[in-house]
């Protein structure tokens, strides 16, 4: 992934990837970041959903009987392939029952996308977060 990121930084970024990011993506791997350097992956089912038209983002995570759903909005820079996003709402369910639904305020983050397969059927995406971690995602079908 580091070699791909280096190659991307050295090549032209003439294509806007946002239309190809539209949809649901499963987190496959996330490398350590500056905030939590020893924590590289937590075995949770986690999906990110992007709505390119509405500029909304959702992150759904399942950890045992708990289901977390964070929703918010994003801005996209087509020149740099950078997404800035923030979550504004949290839903928490356990054993199929809603435990919590409330507005939240979390510091906005950025992800710099450096690999997205060609074409509308892209199935792999890579990004570096503003915290320094690398993320690999695959499209949900």
Protein backbone atom coordinates (compact mmCIF):
# COMPACT_ATOMS: atom_id res chain seq x y z
CA UNK A 1 0.00 0.00 0.00
CA UNK A 2 2.87 2.38 0.72
CA UNK A 3 4.26 1.89 -2.80
CA UNK A 4 0.83 2.56 -4.32
CA UNK A 5 0.46 5.71 -2.26
CA UNK A 6 3.91 6.94 -3.34
CA UNK A 7 3.12 6.21 -7.01
CA UNK A 8 -0.20 8.08 -6.75
CA UNK A 9 1.48 11.17 -5.30
CA UNK A 10 3.84 11.23 -8.29
CA UNK A 11 1.17 10.86 -10.99
CA UNK A 12 -1.59 13.08 -12.33
CA UNK A 13 -4.92 13.14 -10.54
CA UNK A 14 -7.05 14.23 -13.48
CA UNK A 15 -10.03 11.94 -12.78
CA UNK A 16 -12.63 12.77 -10.13
CA UNK A 17 -13.12 9.57 -8.13
CA UNK A 18 -16.20 10.62 -6.17
CA UNK A 19 -18.71 9.00 -8.57
CA UNK A 20 -16.83 5.70 -8.18
CA UNK A 21 -16.85 6.00 -4.37
CA UNK A 22 -20.66 6.28 -4.32
CA UNK A 23 -22.16 3.31 -2.47
CA UNK A 24 -21.24 0.90 0.33
CA UNK A 25 -17.68 -0.14 1.22
CA UNK A 26 -16.49 -2.73 3.75
CA UNK A 27 -13.43 -1.93 5.87
CA UNK A 28 -10.88 -4.66 5.19
CA UNK A 29 -7.77 -3.32 6.90
CA UNK A 30 -6.64 -0.22 8.74
CA UNK A 31 -3.00 0.36 9.68
CA UNK A 32 -1.86 2.10 12.89
CA UNK A 33 -2.26 5.86 13.24
CA UNK A 34 -0.58 8.65 15.20
CA UNK A 35 -3.28 8.71 17.90
CA UNK A 36 -3.25 4.99 18.70
CA UNK A 37 0.02 3.64 17.22
CA UNK A 38 -0.33 0.09 18.56
CA UNK A 39 -3.94 -0.39 17.46
CA UNK A 40 -4.00 -1.54 13.87
CA UNK A 41 -7.24 -3.45 13.50
CA UNK A 42 -10.28 -4.25 15.61
CA UNK A 43 -12.24 -7.30 14.41
CA UNK A 44 -15.55 -5.57 13.84
CA UNK A 45 -17.80 -5.61 10.81
CA UNK A 46 -17.65 -2.04 9.55
CA UNK A 47 -19.14 -0.45 6.45
CA UNK A 48 -18.82 3.08 5.12
CA UNK A 49 -21.61 4.33 2.86
CA UNK A 50 -21.14 7.38 0.64
CA UNK A 51 -23.96 9.21 -1.15
CA UNK A 52 -22.14 11.33 -3.73
CA UNK A 53 -25.26 13.28 -4.73
CA UNK A 54 -26.37 14.23 -1.22
CA UNK A 55 -22.76 14.44 0.08
CA UNK A 56 -23.63 12.29 3.09
CA UNK A 57 -21.62 9.59 4.85
CA UNK A 58 -22.64 6.78 7.17
CA UNK A 59 -20.42 4.44 9.16
CA UNK A 60 -22.08 1.27 10.46
CA UNK A 61 -20.17 -0.94 12.92
CA UNK A 62 -21.14 -4.21 14.55
CA UNK A 63 -19.33 -5.37 17.66
CA UNK A 64 -20.95 -8.42 19.22
CA UNK A 65 -24.58 -7.58 19.98
CA UNK A 66 -23.97 -3.85 19.51
CA UNK A 67 -24.65 -1.93 16.30
CA UNK A 68 -23.36 1.64 15.96
CA UNK A 69 -24.45 3.91 13.13
CA UNK A 70 -22.77 7.28 12.67
CA UNK A 71 -24.14 9.65 10.03
CA UNK A 72 -22.93 12.99 8.75
CA UNK A 73 -21.83 14.97 5.72
CA UNK A 74 -18.72 15.40 3.62
CA UNK A 75 -16.98 17.78 1.25
CA UNK A 76 -14.93 16.50 -1.70
CA UNK A 77 -11.94 18.05 -3.47
CA UNK A 78 -11.84 16.54 -6.98
CA UNK A 79 -8.32 17.86 -7.64
CA UNK A 80 -6.72 16.11 -4.67
CA UNK A 81 -9.21 13.24 -4.08
CA UNK A 82 -9.55 14.40 -0.46
CA UNK A 83 -12.75 13.91 1.51
CA UNK A 84 -13.38 16.01 4.62
CA UNK A 85 -16.18 14.60 6.74
CA UNK A 86 -17.85 14.84 10.10
CA UNK A 87 -20.43 12.79 11.93
CA UNK A 88 -23.43 14.57 13.42
CA UNK A 89 -25.70 11.75 14.59
CA UNK A 90 -25.23 8.48 16.52
CA UNK A 91 -27.60 5.54 16.74
CA UNK A 92 -26.81 2.63 19.09
CA UNK A 93 -28.68 -0.67 19.12
CA UNK A 94 -28.12 -3.78 21.21
CA UNK A 95 -29.86 -7.11 20.77
CA UNK A 96 -32.08 -5.48 18.15
CA UNK A 97 -33.33 -2.72 20.47
CA UNK A 98 -32.58 0.99 20.10
CA UNK A 99 -30.61 2.19 23.14
CA UNK A 100 -29.55 5.64 22.01
CA UNK A 101 -30.19 8.16 19.28
CA UNK A 102 -28.63 11.57 19.60
CA UNK A 103 -26.80 14.38 17.83
CA UNK A 104 -23.03 14.33 18.24
CA UNK A 105 -20.15 16.64 17.42
CA UNK A 106 -16.89 14.95 16.45
CA UNK A 107 -13.89 16.77 15.02
CA UNK A 108 -13.98 16.64 11.21
CA UNK A 109 -11.48 14.29 9.58
CA UNK A 110 -9.94 13.99 6.15
CA UNK A 111 -9.16 10.97 4.01
CA UNK A 112 -6.87 11.25 0.98
CA UNK A 113 -7.80 8.58 -1.55
CA UNK A 114 -4.84 7.25 -3.52
CA UNK A 115 -6.16 4.15 -5.23
CA UNK A 116 -9.53 3.44 -6.69
CA UNK A 117 -9.84 0.88 -9.43
CA UNK A 118 -10.78 2.18 -12.86
CA UNK A 119 -14.39 2.18 -14.03
CA UNK A 120 -17.77 2.37 -12.36
CA UNK A 121 -17.36 -1.18 -11.02
CA UNK A 122 -14.37 -0.32 -8.83
CA UNK A 123 -14.09 -2.87 -6.05
CA UNK A 124 -10.98 -1.67 -4.15
CA UNK A 125 -10.25 1.72 -2.56
CA UNK A 126 -7.30 2.88 -0.44
CA UNK A 127 -6.94 6.04 1.63
CA UNK A 128 -4.78 7.73 4.24
CA UNK A 129 -6.55 9.40 7.13
CA UNK A 130 -5.63 12.74 8.67
CA UNK A 131 -4.54 10.72 11.74
CA UNK A 132 -2.00 8.88 9.59
CA UNK A 133 -3.56 5.44 9.21
CA UNK A 134 -3.90 3.59 5.92
CA UNK A 135 -7.24 2.04 5.05
CA UNK A 136 -8.16 -0.62 2.52
CA UNK A 137 -11.83 -1.03 1.58
CA UNK A 138 -13.73 -3.31 -0.76
CA UNK A 139 -17.06 -2.55 -2.36
CA UNK A 140 -20.14 -4.22 -0.88
CA UNK A 141 -22.20 -5.96 -3.55
